[in-house]
């Protein structure tokens, strides 16, 4: 008994072409259209399931709509002298009223209700003209990306000059003023300390006085100021190098 004619329209109708090189995943698309007034269940099968990934590999196509199926060929060592024997089959049937359990629907389907279409797989290597064209496209894309990166770099640099740089320079000037003030205070402390030391009698081994503490505060303040200054300068240099 003759099978029911396929209700779905396949594009392409007879073969799936995969264009190399095949060192990476190669994807081709299969369009399934349902011109009928009924919903149609479909399933995509292949003779080499380990070599292909199909998304979606099954489902329901509503009446008057279509769906795109992506067929992905996994990387392999291509031999031009070897002819492809891989084949695909699109199996379909009109959807029953209850399609909740698709596995059960296909399992219970009668052979007279099934429709199918077969497609063979064709492997092709790109021609020299296509290789040149692809190289030119890659070159243009690379140049465009470099130009955009350069523009972004200039924009970032300009932004630093206009805002962040002014703020950092203001902080640096403020810090320098603070360092100068600390130096003057330290100098005054030394002078006051010298005057007090001349007035005080030397008795035995004096214990640390307030004068000694004042002497230590000057270098400590300068050290803190210098650390902060180097920290600010490090931020400036770091931002300029970004």
Protein backbone atom coordinates (compact mmCIF):
# COMPACT_ATOMS: atom_id res chain seq x y z
CA UNK A 1 0.00 0.00 0.00
CA UNK A 2 1.40 3.43 -0.95
CA UNK A 3 2.39 5.76 1.84
CA UNK A 4 0.60 9.06 2.41
CA UNK A 5 2.27 11.91 0.58
CA UNK A 6 4.32 14.26 2.71
CA UNK A 7 2.22 17.23 3.77
CA UNK A 8 5.20 19.32 4.88
CA UNK A 9 7.18 21.45 2.44
CA UNK A 10 10.94 21.09 2.91
CA UNK A 11 13.50 23.76 1.99
CA UNK A 12 15.86 22.48 0.68
CA UNK A 13 13.76 19.59 -0.62
CA UNK A 14 16.37 16.93 -1.46
CA UNK A 15 19.78 17.49 0.13
CA UNK A 16 21.53 19.19 3.02
CA UNK A 17 24.77 20.92 2.06
CA UNK A 18 27.60 21.37 4.54
CA UNK A 19 30.41 23.68 3.47
CA UNK A 20 33.86 23.17 5.03
CA UNK A 21 36.48 23.39 6.28
CA UNK A 22 35.23 20.84 8.78
CA UNK A 23 37.63 21.67 11.61
CA UNK A 24 34.74 23.29 13.48
CA UNK A 25 30.98 22.75 13.75
CA UNK A 26 29.24 23.40 10.42
CA UNK A 27 25.56 24.31 10.55
CA UNK A 28 22.94 24.20 7.82
CA UNK A 29 19.25 25.03 8.12
CA UNK A 30 16.18 23.06 7.09
CA UNK A 31 12.86 24.88 6.85
CA UNK A 32 9.70 22.88 7.44
CA UNK A 33 6.43 24.51 6.36
CA UNK A 34 2.92 23.29 7.06
CA UNK A 35 0.54 24.60 4.36
CA UNK A 36 -2.39 22.50 5.62
CA UNK A 37 -5.22 23.53 7.91
CA UNK A 38 -4.21 20.96 10.55
CA UNK A 39 -1.36 20.82 13.04
CA UNK A 40 1.42 18.40 12.07
CA UNK A 41 3.82 16.48 14.29
CA UNK A 42 7.34 16.04 12.93
CA UNK A 43 10.50 14.15 13.80
CA UNK A 44 13.98 14.38 12.22
CA UNK A 45 16.08 11.22 11.99
CA UNK A 46 19.57 10.52 10.60
CA UNK A 47 21.67 7.50 9.70
CA UNK A 48 24.63 8.99 11.62
CA UNK A 49 23.26 10.28 14.95
CA UNK A 50 26.74 10.63 16.52
CA UNK A 51 27.90 12.99 13.78
CA UNK A 52 25.03 15.47 13.93
CA UNK A 53 23.15 17.60 16.42
CA UNK A 54 19.61 18.62 15.40
CA UNK A 55 17.64 21.41 17.09
CA UNK A 56 14.73 20.98 17.35
CA UNK A 57 14.63 17.33 16.35
CA UNK A 58 10.87 16.98 16.92
CA UNK A 59 7.78 19.00 17.68
CA UNK A 60 4.45 20.25 16.35
CA UNK A 61 4.03 22.72 13.48
CA UNK A 62 0.78 24.65 13.66
CA UNK A 63 -1.42 24.96 10.59
CA UNK A 64 -0.14 27.54 8.11
CA UNK A 65 3.17 28.09 9.92
CA UNK A 66 6.78 26.97 9.51
CA UNK A 67 9.80 26.14 11.63
CA UNK A 68 13.57 26.28 11.09
CA UNK A 69 15.60 23.24 12.05
CA UNK A 70 19.34 23.66 12.64
CA UNK A 71 21.44 20.67 11.60
CA UNK A 72 24.96 20.84 13.08
CA UNK A 73 27.73 18.65 11.69
CA UNK A 74 30.42 17.91 14.27
CA UNK A 75 34.13 18.46 13.36
CA UNK A 76 35.88 15.58 11.57
CA UNK A 77 38.79 14.79 9.23
CA UNK A 78 37.36 15.35 5.78
CA UNK A 79 38.46 13.12 2.90
CA UNK A 80 37.45 14.62 -0.51
CA UNK A 81 37.65 11.16 -2.10
CA UNK A 82 35.10 9.71 0.28
CA UNK A 83 31.48 10.16 -0.74
CA UNK A 84 28.99 10.95 1.98
CA UNK A 85 26.51 8.22 2.71
CA UNK A 86 24.75 10.13 5.46
CA UNK A 87 21.02 10.64 5.08
CA UNK A 88 18.23 12.40 6.92
CA UNK A 89 14.53 11.60 7.09
CA UNK A 90 11.77 13.99 8.10
CA UNK A 91 8.87 11.97 9.42
CA UNK A 92 5.47 13.56 10.03
CA UNK A 93 1.80 12.92 10.76
CA UNK A 94 -1.27 14.96 11.50
CA UNK A 95 -1.37 15.81 15.20
CA UNK A 96 -4.02 14.05 17.29
CA UNK A 97 -6.26 15.98 19.64
CA UNK A 98 -4.07 15.15 22.65
CA UNK A 99 -0.34 15.88 22.12
CA UNK A 100 0.75 16.01 25.76
CA UNK A 101 2.92 12.88 25.56
CA UNK A 102 4.72 13.05 22.20
CA UNK A 103 6.63 9.83 22.84
CA UNK A 104 3.36 7.96 23.27
CA UNK A 105 1.88 9.68 20.20
CA UNK A 106 4.69 8.41 17.97
CA UNK A 107 4.67 4.99 19.58
CA UNK A 108 0.94 4.54 19.00
CA UNK A 109 0.95 6.01 15.47
CA UNK A 110 -0.17 3.72 12.66
CA UNK A 111 2.15 3.22 9.71
CA UNK A 112 -0.57 4.40 7.30
CA UNK A 113 -0.65 7.76 9.10
CA UNK A 114 3.09 8.38 8.78
CA UNK A 115 4.59 10.57 6.04
CA UNK A 116 8.29 10.92 5.35
CA UNK A 117 10.83 12.71 3.15
CA UNK A 118 14.49 11.76 2.69
CA UNK A 119 17.45 14.08 2.20
CA UNK A 120 21.04 13.20 1.46
CA UNK A 121 24.05 15.02 2.90
CA UNK A 122 26.56 16.78 0.65
CA UNK A 123 29.98 17.97 1.84
CA UNK A 124 31.68 20.83 0.00
CA UNK A 125 34.96 22.66 0.40
CA UNK A 126 35.02 26.41 -0.28
CA UNK A 127 36.47 27.50 -3.63
CA UNK A 128 39.54 29.72 -3.86
CA UNK A 129 37.37 32.77 -4.63
CA UNK A 130 35.25 32.12 -1.57
CA UNK A 131 38.39 31.70 0.56
CA UNK A 132 39.69 35.05 -0.69
CA UNK A 133 36.32 36.65 -0.03
CA UNK A 134 36.23 35.25 3.50
CA UNK A 135 39.76 36.49 4.14
CA UNK A 136 38.77 39.98 2.97
CA UNK A 137 35.71 39.94 5.21
CA UNK A 138 37.85 38.85 8.17
CA UNK A 139 40.39 41.56 7.37
CA UNK A 140 37.71 44.27 7.18
CA UNK A 141 36.14 43.01 10.40
CA UNK A 142 39.52 43.00 12.16
CA UNK A 143 40.30 46.54 10.95
CA UNK A 144 36.88 47.73 12.09
CA UNK A 145 37.37 46.23 15.54
CA UNK A 146 40.81 47.83 15.88
CA UNK A 147 39.40 51.23 14.84
CA UNK A 148 36.58 50.96 17.37
CA UNK A 149 39.06 49.96 20.07
CA UNK A 150 41.27 52.94 19.20
CA UNK A 151 38.30 55.32 19.32
CA UNK A 152 37.24 53.93 22.65
CA UNK A 153 40.78 54.35 23.97
CA UNK A 154 40.89 57.98 22.81
CA UNK A 155 37.47 58.62 24.30
CA UNK A 156 38.58 57.13 27.63
CA UNK A 157 41.78 59.18 27.60
CA UNK A 158 39.81 62.35 26.84
CA UNK A 159 37.42 61.56 29.63
CA UNK A 160 40.32 61.16 32.05
CA UNK A 161 41.85 64.48 30.97
CA UNK A 162 38.56 66.32 31.34
CA UNK A 163 37.31 65.01 34.66
CA UNK A 164 39.29 62.41 36.58
CA UNK A 165 42.65 63.95 35.79
CA UNK A 166 41.62 67.38 37.05
CA UNK A 167 40.32 65.83 40.26
CA UNK A 168 43.52 63.83 40.78
CA UNK A 169 45.68 66.88 40.13
CA UNK A 170 43.64 68.93 42.60
CA UNK A 171 44.09 66.18 45.20
CA UNK A 172 47.82 66.12 44.49
CA UNK A 173 48.15 69.90 44.93
CA UNK A 174 46.16 69.72 48.14
CA UNK A 175 48.40 66.95 49.41
CA UNK A 176 51.54 68.93 48.56
CA UNK A 177 50.17 71.89 50.55
CA UNK A 178 49.50 69.58 53.48
CA UNK A 179 53.05 68.21 53.30
CA UNK A 180 54.45 71.76 53.27
CA UNK A 181 52.33 72.66 56.28
CA UNK A 182 53.56 69.59 58.17
CA UNK A 183 57.15 70.50 57.35
CA UNK A 184 56.67 74.00 58.74
CA UNK A 185 55.04 72.63 61.88
CA UNK A 186 57.88 70.16 62.31
CA UNK A 187 60.43 72.95 61.88
CA UNK A 188 58.66 75.07 64.49
CA UNK A 189 58.53 72.10 66.88
CA UNK A 190 62.27 71.59 66.51
CA UNK A 191 62.92 75.24 67.29
CA UNK A 192 60.66 75.18 70.34
CA UNK A 193 62.22 71.93 71.47
CA UNK A 194 65.73 73.35 71.19
CA UNK A 195 64.73 76.37 73.23
CA UNK A 196 63.22 74.21 75.99
CA UNK A 197 66.24 71.91 76.05
CA UNK A 198 68.56 74.85 76.63
CA UNK A 199 66.45 75.99 79.57
CA UNK A 200 66.13 72.56 81.24
CA UNK A 201 68.86 71.26 83.60
CA UNK A 202 70.52 67.94 82.68
CA UNK A 203 69.86 65.50 85.56
CA UNK A 204 70.99 61.90 85.23
CA UNK A 205 69.24 59.92 82.43
CA UNK A 206 66.06 61.83 81.62
CA UNK A 207 62.96 59.86 80.77
CA UNK A 208 61.21 60.51 77.43
CA UNK A 209 59.53 63.88 77.66
CA UNK A 210 56.88 65.61 75.60
CA UNK A 211 59.73 67.17 73.63
CA UNK A 212 60.92 63.70 72.53
CA UNK A 213 57.40 62.79 71.48
CA UNK A 214 57.20 66.00 69.47
CA UNK A 215 60.44 65.12 67.72
CA UNK A 216 59.01 61.75 66.71
CA UNK A 217 55.74 63.21 65.51
CA UNK A 218 57.41 65.27 62.80
CA UNK A 219 59.03 62.37 60.84
CA UNK A 220 55.91 60.22 61.34
CA UNK A 221 53.70 62.90 59.85
CA UNK A 222 56.05 63.31 56.90
CA UNK A 223 56.11 59.54 56.36
CA UNK A 224 52.29 59.37 56.31
CA UNK A 225 52.11 62.29 53.92
CA UNK A 226 54.66 60.72 51.57
CA UNK A 227 52.80 57.38 51.58
CA UNK A 228 49.55 59.13 50.67
CA UNK A 229 51.36 61.10 47.96
CA UNK A 230 52.81 57.97 46.38
CA UNK A 231 49.38 56.32 46.57
CA UNK A 232 47.77 59.21 44.66
CA UNK A 233 50.57 59.22 42.08
CA UNK A 234 50.14 55.44 41.66
CA UNK A 235 46.44 55.95 40.89
CA UNK A 236 47.29 58.62 38.31
CA UNK A 237 49.86 56.43 36.56
CA UNK A 238 47.55 53.39 36.66
CA UNK A 239 44.67 55.27 35.01
CA UNK A 240 46.95 56.70 32.34
CA UNK A 241 48.14 53.20 31.44
CA UNK A 242 44.59 51.80 31.06
